[in-house]
Amino acid sequence: MARVGLLGGSFNPAHSGHRKISLFAMAALGLDEVWWLVSPGNPLKDGAGDMAPLRARLASANRMARGSRIRATAIEAQMGTRYTIDTLRALTRRYPKIDFIWLMGADNLGQFHRWRDWRAIAATVPIAVIARPGYDGTARASPAMGWLRGFVRPACQRNSWTQWSLPALVLLRFRPDPTSATRLRQADPHWHHVFGRSAPRDGLTRVPIP
């Protein structure tokens, strides 16, 4: 069984912070790969006027993932899934010989209770929460953490995550790169123009994304 971490996001654009947190998770959890799920649209951010086209976001993720065991993929758009729970169910059916673990920052844990069927997500795959400075207090006091607290596994057991019964959550300490996609967009609102109108190839399915 391959061991794969899943990191979802807009990647608008992908940046060094995404890469460093993925490489950290890969080493900490003994992962064979990390897949970046470049979202066709975040349901919690609908209406955002600064969202670049999917092809540009995938192209930026492909470029940032070069030379690593990270695959940038727009498989959610190809499968027609919009919510994380639907994506996870589809992936576990499509790839039965892969053990998946969901990767998220502590900031996402703080709003996890707003995700559709978040308890079902926790019952589908293990979750690794990677602490970010400034978000720990909010994350630990979140409604979702109130329920998940009883399922937290010690960080010293992190390499045995494929054997955990679900739900299961592990908290990992990491001081990530302070790079922010928001600040990058503010500095260059037209960053995606550099990728033109070419169709990047999906890093997982190898399908060109128009």
C-alpha atoms as a PDB file:
ATOM      1  CA  MET A   1       0.000   0.000   0.000  1.00  0.00           C
ATOM      2  CA  ALA A   2       1.348   3.406  -0.968  1.00  0.00           C
ATOM      3  CA  ARG A   3       1.093   6.172   1.650  1.00  0.00           C
ATOM      4  CA  VAL A   4      -0.157   9.468   0.249  1.00  0.00           C
ATOM      5  CA  GLY A   5      -0.890  12.793   1.909  1.00  0.00           C
ATOM      6  CA  LEU A   6      -3.645  14.979   0.473  1.00  0.00           C
ATOM      7  CA  LEU A   7      -3.355  18.765   0.668  1.00  0.00           C
ATOM      8  CA  GLY A   8      -6.342  20.620  -0.700  1.00  0.00           C
ATOM      9  CA  GLY A   9      -6.481  24.281  -1.581  1.00  0.00           C
ATOM     10  CA  SER A  10      -6.938  26.961  -4.186  1.00  0.00           C
ATOM     11  CA  PHE A  11      -3.186  27.317  -4.848  1.00  0.00           C
ATOM     12  CA  ASN A  12      -3.883  30.848  -5.988  1.00  0.00           C
ATOM     13  CA  PRO A  13      -0.912  30.817  -6.563  1.00  0.00           C
ATOM     14  CA  ALA A  14       1.092  27.853  -5.257  1.00  0.00           C
ATOM     15  CA  HIS A  15       4.092  29.045  -3.249  1.00  0.00           C
ATOM     16  CA  SER A  16       7.079  27.927  -1.193  1.00  0.00           C
ATOM     17  CA  GLY A  17       4.940  27.577   1.939  1.00  0.00           C
ATOM     18  CA  HIS A  18       2.877  24.839   0.266  1.00  0.00           C
ATOM     19  CA  ARG A  19       6.051  23.033  -0.761  1.00  0.00           C
ATOM     20  CA  LYS A  20       7.764  23.232   2.637  1.00  0.00           C
ATOM     21  CA  ILE A  21       4.738  22.069   4.607  1.00  0.00           C
ATOM     22  CA  SER A  22       4.310  19.149   2.178  1.00  0.00           C
ATOM     23  CA  LEU A  23       7.951  18.073   2.430  1.00  0.00           C
ATOM     24  CA  PHE A  24       7.709  18.313   6.220  1.00  0.00           C
ATOM     25  CA  ALA A  25       4.588  16.118   6.264  1.00  0.00           C
ATOM     26  CA  MET A  26       6.238  13.664   3.889  1.00  0.00           C
ATOM     27  CA  ALA A  27       9.161  13.198   6.271  1.00  0.00           C
ATOM     28  CA  ALA A  28       7.119  13.270   9.490  1.00  0.00           C
ATOM     29  CA  LEU A  29       4.496  10.754   8.345  1.00  0.00           C
ATOM     30  CA  GLY A  30       6.616   8.519   6.112  1.00  0.00           C
ATOM     31  CA  LEU A  31       4.685   9.414   2.968  1.00  0.00           C
ATOM     32  CA  ASP A  32       5.532   8.155  -0.491  1.00  0.00           C
ATOM     33  CA  GLU A  33       3.895  11.207  -2.110  1.00  0.00           C
ATOM     34  CA  VAL A  34       1.828  14.273  -1.406  1.00  0.00           C
ATOM     35  CA  TRP A  35      -0.964  15.176  -3.810  1.00  0.00           C
ATOM     36  CA  TRP A  36      -1.955  18.818  -4.100  1.00  0.00           C
ATOM     37  CA  LEU A  37      -5.675  18.898  -4.849  1.00  0.00           C
ATOM     38  CA  VAL A  38      -6.002  22.133  -6.814  1.00  0.00           C
ATOM     39  CA  SER A  39      -9.626  22.992  -6.205  1.00  0.00           C
ATOM     40  CA  PRO A  40     -11.934  24.073  -9.037  1.00  0.00           C
ATOM     41  CA  GLY A  41     -13.536  26.366  -6.420  1.00  0.00           C
ATOM     42  CA  ASN A  42     -13.628  26.616  -2.627  1.00  0.00           C
ATOM     43  CA  PRO A  43     -17.257  26.502  -1.358  1.00  0.00           C
ATOM     44  CA  LEU A  44     -16.221  28.699   1.599  1.00  0.00           C
ATOM     45  CA  LYS A  45     -14.739  31.322  -0.725  1.00  0.00           C
ATOM     46  CA  ASP A  46     -17.374  31.531  -3.446  1.00  0.00           C
ATOM     47  CA  GLY A  47     -17.579  34.944  -5.042  1.00  0.00           C
ATOM     48  CA  ALA A  48     -13.872  35.700  -4.607  1.00  0.00           C
ATOM     49  CA  GLY A  49     -13.080  37.993  -7.507  1.00  0.00           C
ATOM     50  CA  ASP A  50      -9.341  37.338  -7.454  1.00  0.00           C
ATOM     51  CA  MET A  51      -9.467  33.601  -8.184  1.00  0.00           C
ATOM     52  CA  ALA A  52      -7.247  32.811 -11.166  1.00  0.00           C
ATOM     53  CA  PRO A  53      -8.319  30.241 -13.794  1.00  0.00           C
ATOM     54  CA  LEU A  54      -7.815  26.613 -12.839  1.00  0.00           C
ATOM     55  CA  ARG A  55      -5.226  26.050 -15.568  1.00  0.00           C
ATOM     56  CA  ALA A  56      -3.040  28.881 -14.209  1.00  0.00           C
ATOM     57  CA  ARG A  57      -3.315  27.639 -10.617  1.00  0.00           C
ATOM     58  CA  LEU A  58      -2.432  24.090 -11.696  1.00  0.00           C
ATOM     59  CA  ALA A  59       0.488  25.387 -13.762  1.00  0.00           C
ATOM     60  CA  SER A  60       1.828  27.329 -10.780  1.00  0.00           C
ATOM     61  CA  ALA A  61       1.463  24.208  -8.605  1.00  0.00           C
ATOM     62  CA  ASN A  62       3.260  22.058 -11.190  1.00  0.00           C
ATOM     63  CA  ARG A  63       6.140  24.515 -11.246  1.00  0.00           C
ATOM     64  CA  MET A  64       6.364  24.699  -7.442  1.00  0.00           C
ATOM     65  CA  ALA A  65       6.272  20.884  -7.145  1.00  0.00           C
ATOM     66  CA  ARG A  66       9.187  20.253  -9.541  1.00  0.00           C
ATOM     67  CA  GLY A  67      11.972  18.016  -8.307  1.00  0.00           C
ATOM     68  CA  SER A  68       9.913  16.525  -5.468  1.00  0.00           C
ATOM     69  CA  ARG A  69       7.487  13.679  -4.750  1.00  0.00           C
ATOM     70  CA  ILE A  70       4.597  16.132  -4.898  1.00  0.00           C
ATOM     71  CA  ARG A  71       1.919  15.756  -7.571  1.00  0.00           C
ATOM     72  CA  ALA A  72      -0.298  18.723  -8.437  1.00  0.00           C
ATOM     73  CA  THR A  73      -3.669  17.570  -9.703  1.00  0.00           C
ATOM     74  CA  ALA A  74      -7.023  18.989 -10.760  1.00  0.00           C
ATOM     75  CA  ILE A  75      -8.653  15.601 -10.263  1.00  0.00           C
ATOM     76  CA  GLU A  76     -11.582  17.181  -8.401  1.00  0.00           C
ATOM     77  CA  ALA A  77     -12.587  19.013 -11.582  1.00  0.00           C
ATOM     78  CA  GLN A  78     -12.207  15.793 -13.573  1.00  0.00           C
ATOM     79  CA  MET A  79     -14.286  13.765 -11.115  1.00  0.00           C
ATOM     80  CA  GLY A  80     -16.868  16.524 -10.710  1.00  0.00           C
ATOM     81  CA  THR A  81     -16.527  16.680  -6.920  1.00  0.00           C
ATOM     82  CA  ARG A  82     -16.951  19.973  -5.109  1.00  0.00           C
ATOM     83  CA  TYR A  83     -16.786  19.063  -1.434  1.00  0.00           C
ATOM     84  CA  THR A  84     -13.920  17.345   0.370  1.00  0.00           C
ATOM     85  CA  ILE A  85     -16.051  14.456   1.604  1.00  0.00           C
ATOM     86  CA  ASP A  86     -17.130  13.635  -1.964  1.00  0.00           C
ATOM     87  CA  THR A  87     -13.525  13.868  -3.170  1.00  0.00           C
ATOM     88  CA  LEU A  88     -12.286  11.525  -0.442  1.00  0.00           C
ATOM     89  CA  ARG A  89     -14.964   8.947  -1.137  1.00  0.00           C
ATOM     90  CA  ALA A  90     -14.195   9.059  -4.852  1.00  0.00           C
ATOM     91  CA  LEU A  91     -10.432   8.793  -4.318  1.00  0.00           C
ATOM     92  CA  THR A  92     -10.663   5.864  -1.907  1.00  0.00           C
ATOM     93  CA  ARG A  93     -12.833   4.026  -4.444  1.00  0.00           C
ATOM     94  CA  ARG A  94     -10.571   4.875  -7.373  1.00  0.00           C
ATOM     95  CA  TYR A  95      -7.298   4.079  -5.596  1.00  0.00           C
ATOM     96  CA  PRO A  96      -8.010   1.146  -3.238  1.00  0.00           C
ATOM     97  CA  LYS A  97      -4.297   0.294  -2.932  1.00  0.00           C
ATOM     98  CA  ILE A  98      -3.386   3.696  -1.464  1.00  0.00           C
ATOM     99  CA  ASP A  99      -3.585   4.727   2.179  1.00  0.00           C
ATOM    100  CA  PHE A 100      -4.555   8.414   2.318  1.00  0.00           C
ATOM    101  CA  ILE A 101      -4.110  10.939   5.103  1.00  0.00           C
ATOM    102  CA  TRP A 102      -5.621  14.427   4.977  1.00  0.00           C
ATOM    103  CA  LEU A 103      -3.204  17.293   5.641  1.00  0.00           C
ATOM    104  CA  MET A 104      -4.432  20.626   6.944  1.00  0.00           C
ATOM    105  CA  GLY A 105      -3.081  23.701   8.663  1.00  0.00           C
ATOM    106  CA  ALA A 106      -4.296  24.695  12.108  1.00  0.00           C
ATOM    107  CA  ASP A 107      -6.148  27.618  10.503  1.00  0.00           C
ATOM    108  CA  ASN A 108      -8.326  25.151   8.588  1.00  0.00           C
ATOM    109  CA  LEU A 109      -9.014  23.172  11.749  1.00  0.00           C
ATOM    110  CA  GLY A 110     -10.426  26.386  13.208  1.00  0.00           C
ATOM    111  CA  GLN A 111     -13.163  26.399  10.563  1.00  0.00           C
ATOM    112  CA  PHE A 112     -13.411  22.654   9.995  1.00  0.00           C
ATOM    113  CA  HIS A 113     -16.889  22.591  11.542  1.00  0.00           C
ATOM    114  CA  ARG A 114     -18.103  24.623   8.539  1.00  0.00           C
ATOM    115  CA  TRP A 115     -17.057  21.942   6.058  1.00  0.00           C
ATOM    116  CA  ARG A 116     -19.802  19.720   4.690  1.00  0.00           C
ATOM    117  CA  ASP A 117     -20.039  16.414   6.601  1.00  0.00           C
ATOM    118  CA  TRP A 118     -16.845  17.151   8.513  1.00  0.00           C
ATOM    119  CA  ARG A 119     -17.414  14.269  10.926  1.00  0.00           C
ATOM    120  CA  ALA A 120     -17.697  11.922   7.937  1.00  0.00           C
ATOM    121  CA  ILE A 121     -14.377  13.296   6.626  1.00  0.00           C
ATOM    122  CA  ALA A 122     -12.755  12.363   9.934  1.00  0.00           C
ATOM    123  CA  ALA A 123     -14.299   8.908   9.702  1.00  0.00           C
ATOM    124  CA  THR A 124     -12.985   8.377   6.153  1.00  0.00           C
ATOM    125  CA  VAL A 125      -9.250   9.150   6.466  1.00  0.00           C
ATOM    126  CA  PRO A 126      -6.840  10.084   9.268  1.00  0.00           C
ATOM    127  CA  ILE A 127      -6.114  13.801   9.610  1.00  0.00           C
ATOM    128  CA  ALA A 128      -2.741  15.428  10.273  1.00  0.00           C
ATOM    129  CA  VAL A 129      -2.976  19.018  11.506  1.00  0.00           C
ATOM    130  CA  ILE A 130       0.175  21.042  10.993  1.00  0.00           C
ATOM    131  CA  ALA A 131       0.406  23.863  13.503  1.00  0.00           C
ATOM    132  CA  ARG A 132       0.815  27.418  12.257  1.00  0.00           C
ATOM    133  CA  PRO A 133       1.931  30.228  14.569  1.00  0.00           C
ATOM    134  CA  GLY A 134      -0.967  32.375  15.686  1.00  0.00           C
ATOM    135  CA  TYR A 135      -3.668  29.818  14.929  1.00  0.00           C
ATOM    136  CA  ASP A 136      -3.103  27.176  17.620  1.00  0.00           C
ATOM    137  CA  GLY A 137      -5.392  28.743  20.224  1.00  0.00           C
ATOM    138  CA  THR A 138      -8.278  29.253  17.815  1.00  0.00           C
ATOM    139  CA  ALA A 139      -7.896  25.755  16.393  1.00  0.00           C
ATOM    140  CA  ARG A 140      -7.848  24.047  19.785  1.00  0.00           C
ATOM    141  CA  ALA A 141     -10.944  25.992  20.875  1.00  0.00           C
ATOM    142  CA  SER A 142     -12.869  25.298  17.673  1.00  0.00           C
ATOM    143  CA  PRO A 143     -16.200  23.412  17.679  1.00  0.00           C
ATOM    144  CA  ALA A 144     -14.663  20.641  15.568  1.00  0.00           C
ATOM    145  CA  MET A 145     -11.791  20.161  17.995  1.00  0.00           C
ATOM    146  CA  GLY A 146     -14.281  19.811  20.827  1.00  0.00           C
ATOM    147  CA  TRP A 147     -15.473  16.625  19.124  1.00  0.00           C
ATOM    148  CA  LEU A 148     -12.110  15.493  17.714  1.00  0.00           C
ATOM    149  CA  ARG A 149     -10.181  15.917  20.967  1.00  0.00           C
ATOM    150  CA  GLY A 150     -11.041  12.389  22.041  1.00  0.00           C
ATOM    151  CA  PHE A 151      -9.502  10.996  18.841  1.00  0.00           C
ATOM    152  CA  VAL A 152      -6.100  12.736  19.008  1.00  0.00           C
ATOM    153  CA  ARG A 153      -3.135  10.364  18.705  1.00  0.00           C
ATOM    154  CA  PRO A 154       0.300  11.110  20.207  1.00  0.00           C
ATOM    155  CA  ALA A 155       2.715  12.648  17.722  1.00  0.00           C
ATOM    156  CA  CYS A 156       5.259   9.948  18.617  1.00  0.00           C
ATOM    157  CA  GLN A 157       2.918   7.412  16.959  1.00  0.00           C
ATOM    158  CA  ARG A 158       2.632   9.363  13.723  1.00  0.00           C
ATOM    159  CA  ASN A 159       4.401   6.754  11.565  1.00  0.00           C
ATOM    160  CA  SER A 160       1.779   4.118  12.390  1.00  0.00           C
ATOM    161  CA  TRP A 161      -1.152   6.191  11.080  1.00  0.00           C
ATOM    162  CA  THR A 162      -2.156   3.535   8.539  1.00  0.00           C
ATOM    163  CA  GLN A 163      -3.050   1.226  11.455  1.00  0.00           C
ATOM    164  CA  TRP A 164      -5.239   3.693  13.351  1.00  0.00           C
ATOM    165  CA  SER A 165      -8.952   3.140  13.745  1.00  0.00           C
ATOM    166  CA  LEU A 166     -10.963   6.142  12.621  1.00  0.00           C
ATOM    167  CA  PRO A 167     -11.585   8.923  13.469  1.00  0.00           C
ATOM    168  CA  ALA A 168      -7.929   9.741  14.193  1.00  0.00           C
ATOM    169  CA  LEU A 169      -6.115  13.060  14.402  1.00  0.00           C
ATOM    170  CA  VAL A 170      -2.442  13.885  14.951  1.00  0.00           C
ATOM    171  CA  LEU A 171      -1.074  17.353  15.707  1.00  0.00           C
ATOM    172  CA  LEU A 172       2.355  18.127  14.248  1.00  0.00           C
ATOM    173  CA  ARG A 173       4.508  21.090  15.226  1.00  0.00           C
ATOM    174  CA  PHE A 174       6.089  23.033  12.381  1.00  0.00           C
ATOM    175  CA  ARG A 175       7.031  26.644  11.797  1.00  0.00           C
ATOM    176  CA  PRO A 176       6.083  27.075   8.156  1.00  0.00           C
ATOM    177  CA  ASP A 177       7.282  29.476   5.543  1.00  0.00           C
ATOM    178  CA  PRO A 178       5.483  32.809   6.122  1.00  0.00           C
ATOM    179  CA  THR A 179       4.755  33.207   2.405  1.00  0.00           C
ATOM    180  CA  SER A 180       1.093  34.057   1.803  1.00  0.00           C
ATOM    181  CA  ALA A 181      -0.886  33.626  -1.407  1.00  0.00           C
ATOM    182  CA  THR A 182      -2.911  36.703  -0.440  1.00  0.00           C
ATOM    183  CA  ARG A 183       0.213  38.845  -0.196  1.00  0.00           C
ATOM    184  CA  LEU A 184       1.548  37.439  -3.454  1.00  0.00           C
ATOM    185  CA  ARG A 185      -1.688  38.409  -5.216  1.00  0.00           C
ATOM    186  CA  GLN A 186      -1.590  41.870  -3.663  1.00  0.00           C
ATOM    187  CA  ALA A 187       1.968  42.327  -4.916  1.00  0.00           C
ATOM    188  CA  ASP A 188       1.092  41.055  -8.403  1.00  0.00           C
ATOM    189  CA  PRO A 189      -2.659  40.858  -9.134  1.00  0.00           C
ATOM    190  CA  HIS A 190      -1.924  39.577 -12.644  1.00  0.00           C
ATOM    191  CA  TRP A 191       0.498  36.818 -11.610  1.00  0.00           C
ATOM    192  CA  HIS A 192      -1.397  34.208 -13.622  1.00  0.00           C
ATOM    193  CA  HIS A 193      -0.758  35.958 -16.953  1.00  0.00           C
ATOM    194  CA  VAL A 194       2.740  34.479 -17.010  1.00  0.00           C
ATOM    195  CA  PHE A 195       1.190  31.073 -17.659  1.00  0.00           C
ATOM    196  CA  GLY A 196      -0.666  32.309 -20.742  1.00  0.00           C
ATOM    197  CA  ARG A 197      -3.416  30.147 -22.190  1.00  0.00           C
ATOM    198  CA  SER A 198      -1.511  26.884 -22.490  1.00  0.00           C
ATOM    199  CA  ALA A 199      -3.140  23.735 -21.091  1.00  0.00           C
ATOM    200  CA  PRO A 200      -0.964  22.326 -18.273  1.00  0.00           C
ATOM    201  CA  ARG A 201      -0.851  18.568 -17.860  1.00  0.00           C
ATOM    202  CA  ASP A 202      -2.302  17.139 -14.662  1.00  0.00           C
ATOM    203  CA  GLY A 203       0.485  15.787 -12.464  1.00  0.00           C
ATOM    204  CA  LEU A 204      -1.548  12.716 -11.487  1.00  0.00           C
ATOM    205  CA  THR A 205      -3.864  11.816 -14.370  1.00  0.00           C
ATOM    206  CA  ARG A 206      -1.647  13.367 -17.092  1.00  0.00           C
ATOM    207  CA  VAL A 207      -4.766  14.886 -18.673  1.00  0.00           C
ATOM    208  CA  PRO A 208      -4.290  18.411 -20.160  1.00  0.00           C
ATOM    209  CA  ILE A 209      -6.373  20.992 -18.280  1.00  0.00           C
ATOM    210  CA  PRO A 210      -7.763  23.626 -20.694  1.00  0.00           C
END
